[in-house]
PDB file of all heavy atoms in Angstrom:
ATOM      1  N   LEU A   1      63.032 153.274  52.823  1.00  0.00           N
ATOM      2  CA  LEU A   1      64.266 154.004  53.112  1.00  0.00           C
ATOM      3  C   LEU A   1      64.287 154.353  54.602  1.00  0.00           C
ATOM      4  O   LEU A   1      63.332 154.945  55.116  1.00  0.00           O
ATOM      5  CB  LEU A   1      64.346 155.288  52.276  1.00  0.00           C
ATOM      6  CG  LEU A   1      65.537 156.209  52.526  1.00  0.00           C
ATOM      7  CD1 LEU A   1      66.848 155.516  52.165  1.00  0.00           C
ATOM      8  CD2 LEU A   1      65.387 157.496  51.719  1.00  0.00           C
ATOM      9  N   LEU A   2      65.356 153.976  55.297  1.00  0.00           N
ATOM     10  CA  LEU A   2      65.490 154.273  56.729  1.00  0.00           C
ATOM     11  C   LEU A   2      66.403 155.472  56.888  1.00  0.00           C
ATOM     12  O   LEU A   2      67.537 155.481  56.394  1.00  0.00           O
ATOM     13  CB  LEU A   2      66.069 153.063  57.467  1.00  0.00           C
ATOM     14  CG  LEU A   2      66.065 153.151  58.998  1.00  0.00           C
ATOM     15  CD1 LEU A   2      64.625 153.196  59.519  1.00  0.00           C
ATOM     16  CD2 LEU A   2      66.801 151.960  59.600  1.00  0.00           C
ATOM     17  N   HIS A   3      65.906 156.498  57.578  1.00  0.00           N
ATOM     18  CA  HIS A   3      66.680 157.730  57.789  1.00  0.00           C
ATOM     19  C   HIS A   3      66.753 158.010  59.282  1.00  0.00           C
ATOM     20  O   HIS A   3      65.733 157.990  59.989  1.00  0.00           O
ATOM     21  CB  HIS A   3      66.023 158.902  57.052  1.00  0.00           C
ATOM     22  CG  HIS A   3      66.848 160.148  57.087  1.00  0.00           C
ATOM     23  ND1 HIS A   3      67.990 160.316  56.351  1.00  0.00           N
ATOM     24  CD2 HIS A   3      66.675 161.308  57.785  1.00  0.00           C
ATOM     25  CE1 HIS A   3      68.503 161.522  56.576  1.00  0.00           C
ATOM     26  NE2 HIS A   3      67.717 162.136  57.438  1.00  0.00           N
ATOM     27  N   GLY A   4      67.951 158.279  59.781  1.00  0.00           N
ATOM     28  CA  GLY A   4      68.142 158.487  61.203  1.00  0.00           C
ATOM     29  C   GLY A   4      68.201 159.951  61.592  1.00  0.00           C
ATOM     30  O   GLY A   4      68.844 160.755  60.911  1.00  0.00           O
ATOM     31  N   PHE A   5      67.538 160.298  62.677  1.00  0.00           N
ATOM     32  CA  PHE A   5      67.632 161.614  63.300  1.00  0.00           C
ATOM     33  C   PHE A   5      68.243 161.429  64.690  1.00  0.00           C
ATOM     34  O   PHE A   5      68.465 160.303  65.149  1.00  0.00           O
ATOM     35  CB  PHE A   5      66.253 162.264  63.420  1.00  0.00           C
ATOM     36  CG  PHE A   5      65.608 162.542  62.086  1.00  0.00           C
ATOM     37  CD1 PHE A   5      64.707 161.645  61.554  1.00  0.00           C
ATOM     38  CD2 PHE A   5      65.901 163.700  61.383  1.00  0.00           C
ATOM     39  CE1 PHE A   5      64.099 161.879  60.326  1.00  0.00           C
ATOM     40  CE2 PHE A   5      65.314 163.939  60.156  1.00  0.00           C
ATOM     41  CZ  PHE A   5      64.412 163.030  59.623  1.00  0.00           C
ATOM     42  N   SER A   6      68.490 162.515  65.375  1.00  0.00           N
ATOM     43  CA  SER A   6      69.134 162.406  66.686  1.00  0.00           C
ATOM     44  C   SER A   6      68.228 161.729  67.705  1.00  0.00           C
ATOM     45  O   SER A   6      68.719 161.082  68.640  1.00  0.00           O
ATOM     46  CB  SER A   6      69.530 163.803  67.189  1.00  0.00           C
ATOM     47  OG  SER A   6      68.402 164.657  67.266  1.00  0.00           O
ATOM     48  N   HIS A   7      66.913 161.861  67.565  1.00  0.00           N
ATOM     49  CA  HIS A   7      66.000 161.347  68.583  1.00  0.00           C
ATOM     50  C   HIS A   7      65.112 160.206  68.104  1.00  0.00           C
ATOM     51  O   HIS A   7      64.384 159.618  68.917  1.00  0.00           O
ATOM     52  CB  HIS A   7      65.120 162.475  69.129  1.00  0.00           C
ATOM     53  CG  HIS A   7      65.890 163.584  69.752  1.00  0.00           C
ATOM     54  ND1 HIS A   7      66.712 163.394  70.857  1.00  0.00           N
ATOM     55  CD2 HIS A   7      66.007 164.905  69.454  1.00  0.00           C
ATOM     56  CE1 HIS A   7      67.279 164.533  71.203  1.00  0.00           C
ATOM     57  NE2 HIS A   7      66.873 165.458  70.365  1.00  0.00           N
ATOM     58  N   TYR A   8      65.120 159.889  66.829  1.00  0.00           N
ATOM     59  CA  TYR A   8      64.309 158.774  66.333  1.00  0.00           C
ATOM     60  C   TYR A   8      64.766 158.384  64.935  1.00  0.00           C
ATOM     61  O   TYR A   8      65.567 159.062  64.298  1.00  0.00           O
ATOM     62  CB  TYR A   8      62.816 159.125  66.337  1.00  0.00           C
ATOM     63  CG  TYR A   8      62.414 160.220  65.356  1.00  0.00           C
ATOM     64  CD1 TYR A   8      61.957 159.897  64.084  1.00  0.00           C
ATOM     65  CD2 TYR A   8      62.471 161.564  65.717  1.00  0.00           C
ATOM     66  CE1 TYR A   8      61.579 160.894  63.196  1.00  0.00           C
ATOM     67  CE2 TYR A   8      62.096 162.553  64.846  1.00  0.00           C
ATOM     68  CZ  TYR A   8      61.643 162.213  63.578  1.00  0.00           C
ATOM     69  OH  TYR A   8      61.267 163.193  62.698  1.00  0.00           O
ATOM     70  N   LYS A   9      64.237 157.249  64.488  1.00  0.00           N
ATOM     71  CA  LYS A   9      64.477 156.795  63.133  1.00  0.00           C
ATOM     72  C   LYS A   9      63.180 156.872  62.348  1.00  0.00           C
ATOM     73  O   LYS A   9      62.097 156.632  62.891  1.00  0.00           O
ATOM     74  CB  LYS A   9      64.994 155.354  63.125  1.00  0.00           C
ATOM     75  CG  LYS A   9      66.349 155.160  63.799  1.00  0.00           C
ATOM     76  CD  LYS A   9      66.778 153.705  63.762  1.00  0.00           C
ATOM     77  CE  LYS A   9      68.124 153.498  64.445  1.00  0.00           C
ATOM     78  NZ  LYS A   9      68.539 152.069  64.453  1.00  0.00           N
ATOM     79  N   LEU A  10      63.313 157.227  61.074  1.00  0.00           N
ATOM     80  CA  LEU A  10      62.144 157.368  60.211  1.00  0.00           C
ATOM     81  C   LEU A  10      62.217 156.340  59.085  1.00  0.00           C
ATOM     82  O   LEU A  10      63.187 156.325  58.321  1.00  0.00           O
ATOM     83  CB  LEU A  10      62.072 158.785  59.632  1.00  0.00           C
ATOM     84  CG  LEU A  10      60.874 159.065  58.715  1.00  0.00           C
ATOM     85  CD1 LEU A  10      59.572 158.975  59.486  1.00  0.00           C
ATOM     86  CD2 LEU A  10      61.013 160.450  58.065  1.00  0.00           C
ATOM     87  N   LYS A  11      61.212 155.498  59.004  1.00  0.00           N
ATOM     88  CA  LYS A  11      61.107 154.512  57.922  1.00  0.00           C
ATOM     89  C   LYS A  11      60.159 155.079  56.869  1.00  0.00           C
ATOM     90  O   LYS A  11      58.965 155.263  57.124  1.00  0.00           O
ATOM     91  CB  LYS A  11      60.608 153.181  58.452  1.00  0.00           C
ATOM     92  CG  LYS A  11      60.519 152.094  57.375  1.00  0.00           C
ATOM     93  CD  LYS A  11      59.986 150.794  57.963  1.00  0.00           C
ATOM     94  CE  LYS A  11      59.884 149.709  56.893  1.00  0.00           C
ATOM     95  NZ  LYS A  11      59.338 148.448  57.459  1.00  0.00           N
ATOM     96  N   ILE A  12      60.694 155.358  55.701  1.00  0.00           N
ATOM     97  CA  ILE A  12      59.908 155.973  54.622  1.00  0.00           C
ATOM     98  C   ILE A  12      59.522 154.901  53.605  1.00  0.00           C
ATOM     99  O   ILE A  12      60.387 154.191  53.083  1.00  0.00           O
ATOM    100  CB  ILE A  12      60.717 157.087  53.925  1.00  0.00           C
ATOM    101  CG1 ILE A  12      61.110 158.162  54.930  1.00  0.00           C
ATOM    102  CG2 ILE A  12      59.919 157.679  52.766  1.00  0.00           C
ATOM    103  CD1 ILE A  12      62.079 159.198  54.362  1.00  0.00           C
ATOM    104  N   GLN A  13      58.245 154.802  53.318  1.00  0.00           N
ATOM    105  CA  GLN A  13      57.742 153.920  52.265  1.00  0.00           C
ATOM    106  C   GLN A  13      57.358 154.768  51.051  1.00  0.00           C
ATOM    107  O   GLN A  13      56.350 155.461  51.070  1.00  0.00           O
ATOM    108  CB  GLN A  13      56.531 153.119  52.736  1.00  0.00           C
ATOM    109  CG  GLN A  13      55.907 152.258  51.655  1.00  0.00           C
ATOM    110  CD  GLN A  13      56.884 151.258  51.051  1.00  0.00           C
ATOM    111  OE1 GLN A  13      57.311 150.332  51.733  1.00  0.00           O
ATOM    112  NE2 GLN A  13      57.269 151.451  49.790  1.00  0.00           N
ATOM    113  N   PRO A  14      58.181 154.767  50.005  1.00  0.00           N
ATOM    114  CA  PRO A  14      57.853 155.556  48.823  1.00  0.00           C
ATOM    115  C   PRO A  14      56.861 154.809  47.920  1.00  0.00           C
ATOM    116  O   PRO A  14      56.941 153.590  47.753  1.00  0.00           O
ATOM    117  CB  PRO A  14      59.203 155.715  48.113  1.00  0.00           C
ATOM    118  CG  PRO A  14      60.222 155.067  49.019  1.00  0.00           C
ATOM    119  CD  PRO A  14      59.495 154.118  49.892  1.00  0.00           C
ATOM    120  N   LEU A  15      55.936 155.569  47.343  1.00  0.00           N
ATOM    121  CA  LEU A  15      54.971 155.031  46.375  1.00  0.00           C
ATOM    122  C   LEU A  15      55.045 155.877  45.117  1.00  0.00           C
ATOM    123  O   LEU A  15      54.844 157.099  45.178  1.00  0.00           O
ATOM    124  CB  LEU A  15      53.547 155.071  46.945  1.00  0.00           C
ATOM    125  CG  LEU A  15      53.269 154.249  48.207  1.00  0.00           C
ATOM    126  CD1 LEU A  15      51.877 154.549  48.740  1.00  0.00           C
ATOM    127  CD2 LEU A  15      53.424 152.764  47.924  1.00  0.00           C
ATOM    128  N   VAL A  16      55.311 155.225  43.977  1.00  0.00           N
ATOM    129  CA  VAL A  16      55.429 155.939  42.705  1.00  0.00           C
ATOM    130  C   VAL A  16      54.118 155.802  41.945  1.00  0.00           C
ATOM    131  O   VAL A  16      53.609 154.690  41.770  1.00  0.00           O
ATOM    132  CB  VAL A  16      56.592 155.379  41.867  1.00  0.00           C
ATOM    133  CG1 VAL A  16      56.696 156.129  40.534  1.00  0.00           C
ATOM    134  CG2 VAL A  16      57.900 155.487  42.638  1.00  0.00           C
ATOM    135  N   ILE A  17      53.596 156.933  41.480  1.00  0.00           N
ATOM    136  CA  ILE A  17      52.335 156.931  40.730  1.00  0.00           C
ATOM    137  C   ILE A  17      52.480 157.845  39.526  1.00  0.00           C
ATOM    138  O   ILE A  17      52.921 158.994  39.654  1.00  0.00           O
ATOM    139  CB  ILE A  17      51.154 157.409  41.584  1.00  0.00           C
ATOM    140  CG1 ILE A  17      51.058 156.602  42.887  1.00  0.00           C
ATOM    141  CG2 ILE A  17      49.842 157.304  40.803  1.00  0.00           C
ATOM    142  CD1 ILE A  17      49.970 157.092  43.826  1.00  0.00           C
ATOM    143  N   ALA A  18      52.118 157.335  38.357  1.00  0.00           N
ATOM    144  CA  ALA A  18      52.051 158.158  37.151  1.00  0.00           C
ATOM    145  C   ALA A  18      50.686 158.798  37.094  1.00  0.00           C
ATOM    146  O   ALA A  18      49.660 158.107  37.014  1.00  0.00           O
ATOM    147  CB  ALA A  18      52.304 157.314  35.914  1.00  0.00           C
ATOM    148  N   VAL A  19      50.635 160.124  37.170  1.00  0.00           N
ATOM    149  CA  VAL A  19      49.379 160.861  37.203  1.00  0.00           C
ATOM    150  C   VAL A  19      49.071 161.341  35.796  1.00  0.00           C
ATOM    151  O   VAL A  19      49.723 162.260  35.285  1.00  0.00           O
ATOM    152  CB  VAL A  19      49.467 162.057  38.176  1.00  0.00           C
ATOM    153  CG1 VAL A  19      48.136 162.779  38.242  1.00  0.00           C
ATOM    154  CG2 VAL A  19      49.866 161.564  39.570  1.00  0.00           C
ATOM    155  N   ASN A  20      48.103 160.746  35.165  1.00  0.00           N
ATOM    156  CA  ASN A  20      47.772 161.096  33.775  1.00  0.00           C
ATOM    157  C   ASN A  20      46.695 162.162  33.746  1.00  0.00           C
ATOM    158  O   ASN A  20      45.545 161.939  33.384  1.00  0.00           O
ATOM    159  CB  ASN A  20      47.314 159.846  33.018  1.00  0.00           C
ATOM    160  CG  ASN A  20      48.426 158.822  32.894  1.00  0.00           C
ATOM    161  OD1 ASN A  20      49.565 159.174  32.592  1.00  0.00           O
ATOM    162  ND2 ASN A  20      48.105 157.567  33.138  1.00  0.00           N
ATOM    163  N   VAL A  21      47.049 163.351  34.185  1.00  0.00           N
ATOM    164  CA  VAL A  21      46.123 164.490  34.182  1.00  0.00           C
ATOM    165  C   VAL A  21      46.879 165.711  33.719  1.00  0.00           C
ATOM    166  O   VAL A  21      48.103 165.751  33.686  1.00  0.00           O
ATOM    167  CB  VAL A  21      45.534 164.732  35.594  1.00  0.00           C
ATOM    168  CG1 VAL A  21      44.678 163.564  36.038  1.00  0.00           C
ATOM    169  CG2 VAL A  21      46.642 164.998  36.594  1.00  0.00           C
ATOM    170  N   GLU A  22      46.121 166.731  33.385  1.00  0.00           N
ATOM    171  CA  GLU A  22      46.740 167.992  33.014  1.00  0.00           C
ATOM    172  C   GLU A  22      47.333 168.665  34.244  1.00  0.00           C
ATOM    173  O   GLU A  22      46.865 168.495  35.367  1.00  0.00           O
ATOM    174  CB  GLU A  22      45.705 168.930  32.375  1.00  0.00           C
ATOM    175  CG  GLU A  22      45.145 168.431  31.056  1.00  0.00           C
ATOM    176  CD  GLU A  22      46.205 168.366  29.976  1.00  0.00           C
ATOM    177  OE1 GLU A  22      47.129 169.202  30.001  1.00  0.00           O
ATOM    178  OE2 GLU A  22      46.115 167.471  29.120  1.00  0.00           O
ATOM    179  N   ARG A  23      48.373 169.464  34.006  1.00  0.00           N
ATOM    180  CA  ARG A  23      49.026 170.156  35.112  1.00  0.00           C
ATOM    181  C   ARG A  23      48.055 171.066  35.849  1.00  0.00           C
ATOM    182  O   ARG A  23      48.170 171.263  37.050  1.00  0.00           O
ATOM    183  CB  ARG A  23      50.186 170.977  34.547  1.00  0.00           C
ATOM    184  CG  ARG A  23      50.971 171.738  35.611  1.00  0.00           C
ATOM    185  CD  ARG A  23      52.118 172.511  34.990  1.00  0.00           C
ATOM    186  NE  ARG A  23      52.845 173.269  36.000  1.00  0.00           N
ATOM    187  CZ  ARG A  23      53.898 174.033  35.735  1.00  0.00           C
ATOM    188  NH1 ARG A  23      54.347 174.124  34.498  1.00  0.00           N
ATOM    189  NH2 ARG A  23      54.503 174.701  36.688  1.00  0.00           N
ATOM    190  N   ALA A  24      47.042 171.601  35.151  1.00  0.00           N
ATOM    191  CA  ALA A  24      46.131 172.561  35.749  1.00  0.00           C
ATOM    192  C   ALA A  24      45.292 171.959  36.867  1.00  0.00           C
ATOM    193  O   ALA A  24      44.684 172.678  37.653  1.00  0.00           O
ATOM    194  CB  ALA A  24      45.202 173.136  34.685  1.00  0.00           C
ATOM    195  N   VAL A  25      45.233 170.612  36.963  1.00  0.00           N
ATOM    196  CA  VAL A  25      44.476 170.012  38.059  1.00  0.00           C
ATOM    197  C   VAL A  25      45.007 170.474  39.402  1.00  0.00           C
ATOM    198  O   VAL A  25      44.280 170.702  40.355  1.00  0.00           O
ATOM    199  CB  VAL A  25      44.540 168.457  37.950  1.00  0.00           C
ATOM    200  CG1 VAL A  25      43.918 167.806  39.182  1.00  0.00           C
ATOM    201  CG2 VAL A  25      43.836 167.997  36.692  1.00  0.00           C
ATOM    202  N   ILE A  26      46.345 170.596  39.507  1.00  0.00           N
ATOM    203  CA  ILE A  26      46.959 171.218  40.688  1.00  0.00           C
ATOM    204  C   ILE A  26      47.779 172.398  40.197  1.00  0.00           C
ATOM    205  O   ILE A  26      48.808 172.212  39.549  1.00  0.00           O
ATOM    206  CB  ILE A  26      47.854 170.236  41.457  1.00  0.00           C
ATOM    207  CG1 ILE A  26      47.000 169.154  42.130  1.00  0.00           C
ATOM    208  CG2 ILE A  26      48.654 170.963  42.526  1.00  0.00           C
ATOM    209  CD1 ILE A  26      47.799 168.186  42.975  1.00  0.00           C
ATOM    210  N   ALA A  27      47.316 173.575  40.445  1.00  0.00           N
ATOM    211  CA  ALA A  27      48.065 174.759  40.022  1.00  0.00           C
ATOM    212  C   ALA A  27      49.190 175.017  41.023  1.00  0.00           C
ATOM    213  O   ALA A  27      49.051 174.796  42.222  1.00  0.00           O
ATOM    214  CB  ALA A  27      47.141 175.971  39.956  1.00  0.00           C
ATOM    215  N   ASP A  28      50.323 175.471  40.521  1.00  0.00           N
ATOM    216  CA  ASP A  28      51.430 175.823  41.405  1.00  0.00           C
ATOM    217  C   ASP A  28      50.977 176.889  42.403  1.00  0.00           C
ATOM    218  O   ASP A  28      50.311 177.862  42.030  1.00  0.00           O
ATOM    219  CB  ASP A  28      52.618 176.361  40.607  1.00  0.00           C
ATOM    220  CG  ASP A  28      53.321 175.254  39.826  1.00  0.00           C
ATOM    221  OD1 ASP A  28      53.015 174.080  40.079  1.00  0.00           O
ATOM    222  OD2 ASP A  28      54.166 175.578  38.976  1.00  0.00           O
ATOM    223  N   ASN A  29      51.332 176.694  43.665  1.00  0.00           N
ATOM    224  CA  ASN A  29      50.960 177.650  44.701  1.00  0.00           C
ATOM    225  C   ASN A  29      52.003 177.588  45.802  1.00  0.00           C
ATOM    226  O   ASN A  29      53.055 176.968  45.639  1.00  0.00           O
ATOM    227  CB  ASN A  29      49.551 177.365  45.228  1.00  0.00           C
ATOM    228  CG  ASN A  29      49.416 175.939  45.738  1.00  0.00           C
ATOM    229  OD1 ASN A  29      50.052 175.568  46.730  1.00  0.00           O
ATOM    230  ND2 ASN A  29      48.595 175.124  45.082  1.00  0.00           N
ATOM    231  N   GLY A  30      51.699 178.218  46.914  1.00  0.00           N
ATOM    232  CA  GLY A  30      52.681 178.258  47.987  1.00  0.00           C
ATOM    233  C   GLY A  30      52.935 176.926  48.660  1.00  0.00           C
ATOM    234  O   GLY A  30      53.930 176.775  49.363  1.00  0.00           O
ATOM    235  N   GLN A  31      52.036 175.951  48.458  1.00  0.00           N
ATOM    236  CA  GLN A  31      52.156 174.670  49.136  1.00  0.00           C
ATOM    237  C   GLN A  31      52.421 173.496  48.203  1.00  0.00           C
ATOM    238  O   GLN A  31      52.989 172.487  48.629  1.00  0.00           O
ATOM    239  CB  GLN A  31      50.870 174.391  49.933  1.00  0.00           C
ATOM    240  CG  GLN A  31      50.566 175.447  50.973  1.00  0.00           C
ATOM    241  CD  GLN A  31      51.705 175.666  51.959  1.00  0.00           C
ATOM    242  OE1 GLN A  31      52.310 174.718  52.442  1.00  0.00           O
ATOM    243  NE2 GLN A  31      52.017 176.930  52.239  1.00  0.00           N
TER     244      GLN A  31
END
């Protein structure tokens, strides 16, 4: 995905991954 800003262009390469783990592996936090 190519996204334009005023000073540069950003080419984003998305990667989709199915994570087969329990939610508790990453607990919700500020980040």
